Amino acid sequence: MAFGTLDDGNGGNDEVMNEINMTPLVDVMLVLLIIFIITVPVIKHSVNIDLPRVSNQPQVTQPQTLRLSVDAQGGYFLDDEKIADAALAPRLKAAAAQNPQPDLHIRGDKAVRYERVAQAMAAAQQAGLHKIGFITEPAEPAKP
């Protein structure tokens, strides 16, 4: 960028002028402003169409819930139906293949061995069920 010189009028030393000439910058800004003023109405030009109105309610599909209960003797109940140990895995695989996949809620009696509940969890995991939850009852408040 070239700098002009400042003539002090005495014909003596010419000093370098280190100020930017603002006139060309203002000219460029005015040209840009005019271009934007001309192009904005062209961009916003559209065809007016009266579109039909429709109420759009999203369809929410709630996944089914499977309830797997383990009684005090270690027996399995799938949705309140007694089920044999050998039939548990195929039923869980069939449930895992559904779309959307159902949630599995496991309820274990407090007197049952943890091993039986762990076997049910392992069968559900091997079947491919992803959402497994446990059902508990709230503790009674302590009496003073």
Protein backbone atom coordinates (compact mmCIF):
# COMPACT_ATOMS: atom_id res chain seq x y z
CA MET A 1 0.00 0.00 0.00
CA ALA A 2 1.47 3.31 -1.04
CA PHE A 3 1.51 6.25 1.26
CA GLY A 4 1.31 9.81 0.04
CA THR A 5 3.50 12.66 1.16
CA LEU A 6 2.41 15.71 3.03
CA ASP A 7 3.61 19.00 1.57
CA ASP A 8 3.97 21.61 4.25
CA GLY A 9 4.01 24.46 1.71
CA ASN A 10 7.57 25.64 2.45
CA GLY A 11 9.08 23.52 -0.27
CA GLY A 12 11.09 21.80 2.39
CA ASN A 13 10.92 18.34 3.87
CA ASP A 14 8.16 16.14 2.64
CA GLU A 15 6.81 13.99 5.45
CA VAL A 16 5.17 10.64 4.86
CA MET A 17 1.40 10.76 5.42
CA ASN A 18 0.47 7.72 7.51
CA GLU A 19 -3.31 8.18 7.49
CA ILE A 20 -5.63 6.03 5.40
CA ASN A 21 -7.69 7.82 2.80
CA MET A 22 -11.28 6.97 3.73
CA THR A 23 -12.93 8.15 0.51
CA PRO A 24 -12.32 4.94 -1.51
CA LEU A 25 -13.57 2.82 1.44
CA VAL A 26 -16.78 4.82 1.67
CA ASP A 27 -17.25 4.51 -2.12
CA VAL A 28 -16.90 0.71 -1.93
CA MET A 29 -19.37 0.51 0.97
CA LEU A 30 -21.93 2.61 -0.92
CA VAL A 31 -21.61 0.40 -4.00
CA LEU A 32 -22.12 -2.72 -1.87
CA LEU A 33 -25.14 -1.14 -0.19
CA ILE A 34 -26.72 -0.37 -3.56
CA ILE A 35 -26.07 -3.94 -4.76
CA PHE A 36 -27.74 -5.39 -1.65
CA ILE A 37 -30.72 -3.03 -1.97
CA ILE A 38 -31.24 -4.20 -5.55
CA THR A 39 -30.80 -7.95 -4.92
CA VAL A 40 -32.84 -8.40 -1.72
CA PRO A 41 -36.29 -7.99 -3.36
CA VAL A 42 -35.28 -10.48 -6.05
CA ILE A 43 -34.30 -13.06 -3.43
CA LYS A 44 -37.56 -12.66 -1.51
CA HIS A 45 -39.73 -12.99 -4.60
CA SER A 46 -41.95 -16.05 -4.29
CA VAL A 47 -45.24 -17.37 -5.57
CA ASN A 48 -48.10 -17.10 -3.09
CA ILE A 49 -49.85 -20.45 -2.69
CA ASP A 50 -52.67 -21.22 -0.33
CA LEU A 51 -51.63 -24.58 1.10
CA PRO A 52 -54.16 -26.93 2.71
CA ARG A 53 -54.21 -27.12 6.51
CA VAL A 54 -53.87 -30.47 8.20
CA SER A 55 -53.63 -31.30 11.86
CA ASN A 56 -50.51 -33.36 12.28
CA GLN A 57 -50.51 -35.48 15.40
CA PRO A 58 -47.36 -37.55 15.76
CA GLN A 59 -48.18 -41.17 16.34
CA VAL A 60 -46.40 -42.28 19.46
CA THR A 61 -46.02 -46.02 19.70
CA GLN A 62 -45.54 -47.10 23.27
CA PRO A 63 -43.49 -50.26 23.58
CA GLN A 64 -45.11 -53.21 25.24
CA THR A 65 -43.94 -54.14 28.72
CA LEU A 66 -43.07 -57.71 29.64
CA ARG A 67 -43.35 -58.56 33.31
CA LEU A 68 -41.09 -61.38 34.44
CA SER A 69 -41.71 -62.46 38.02
CA VAL A 70 -39.63 -64.88 40.08
CA ASP A 71 -41.52 -66.39 43.02
CA ALA A 72 -40.01 -67.54 46.32
CA GLN A 73 -39.50 -71.10 45.01
CA GLY A 74 -37.61 -69.84 41.93
CA GLY A 75 -40.40 -70.32 39.39
CA TYR A 76 -40.72 -67.93 36.45
CA PHE A 77 -43.93 -66.13 35.50
CA LEU A 78 -44.02 -64.17 32.23
CA ASP A 79 -46.98 -61.78 32.24
CA ASP A 80 -48.65 -63.73 35.08
CA GLU A 81 -48.32 -67.03 33.18
CA LYS A 82 -46.13 -69.76 34.67
CA ILE A 83 -43.35 -70.64 32.28
CA ALA A 84 -40.77 -73.43 32.33
CA ASP A 85 -37.07 -72.63 32.46
CA ALA A 86 -36.50 -74.08 28.98
CA ALA A 87 -39.31 -71.99 27.44
CA LEU A 88 -38.05 -68.69 28.89
CA ALA A 89 -35.24 -68.06 26.39
CA PRO A 90 -37.36 -68.62 23.23
CA ARG A 91 -40.13 -66.37 24.55
CA LEU A 92 -37.61 -63.62 25.33
CA LYS A 93 -36.04 -63.98 21.85
CA ALA A 94 -39.46 -63.61 20.26
CA ALA A 95 -40.06 -60.47 22.33
CA ALA A 96 -36.65 -59.05 21.37
CA ALA A 97 -37.52 -59.43 17.66
CA GLN A 98 -40.57 -57.16 17.99
CA ASN A 99 -40.44 -53.58 16.77
CA PRO A 100 -40.44 -51.53 18.97
CA GLN A 101 -38.68 -53.76 21.39
CA PRO A 102 -40.61 -54.21 24.66
CA ASP A 103 -39.26 -53.27 28.07
CA LEU A 104 -38.60 -56.13 30.47
CA HIS A 105 -39.56 -55.55 34.10
CA ILE A 106 -38.19 -58.15 36.50
CA ARG A 107 -39.85 -58.67 39.87
CA GLY A 108 -38.05 -60.99 42.25
CA ASP A 109 -39.40 -62.24 45.55
CA LYS A 110 -37.17 -61.16 48.42
CA ALA A 111 -36.87 -64.78 49.57
CA VAL A 112 -35.68 -66.12 46.18
CA ARG A 113 -32.02 -66.87 45.60
CA TYR A 114 -30.29 -64.19 43.60
CA GLU A 115 -29.03 -66.89 41.24
CA ARG A 116 -32.54 -67.33 39.76
CA VAL A 117 -32.87 -63.60 39.08
CA ALA A 118 -29.37 -63.51 37.57
CA GLN A 119 -30.28 -66.43 35.27
CA ALA A 120 -33.34 -64.52 34.08
CA MET A 121 -31.22 -61.42 33.43
CA ALA A 122 -28.65 -63.48 31.49
CA ALA A 123 -31.40 -65.07 29.39
CA ALA A 124 -32.81 -61.63 28.59
CA GLN A 125 -29.39 -60.30 27.63
CA GLN A 126 -28.66 -63.30 25.40
CA ALA A 127 -32.07 -62.90 23.78
CA GLY A 128 -31.16 -59.33 22.81
CA LEU A 129 -33.44 -57.30 25.10
CA HIS A 130 -31.91 -53.91 25.78
CA LYS A 131 -34.24 -52.30 28.31
CA ILE A 132 -34.33 -54.27 31.53
CA GLY A 133 -35.68 -52.83 34.75
CA PHE A 134 -36.38 -54.04 38.28
CA ILE A 135 -39.65 -53.59 40.12
CA THR A 136 -39.39 -52.97 43.86
CA GLU A 137 -41.75 -51.85 46.56
CA PRO A 138 -41.01 -48.78 48.65
CA ALA A 139 -39.77 -49.39 52.15
CA GLU A 140 -42.18 -48.70 54.97
CA PRO A 141 -41.28 -45.64 57.03
CA ALA A 142 -39.66 -46.36 60.38
CA LYS A 143 -42.04 -46.06 63.33
CA PRO A 144 -40.86 -43.88 66.22
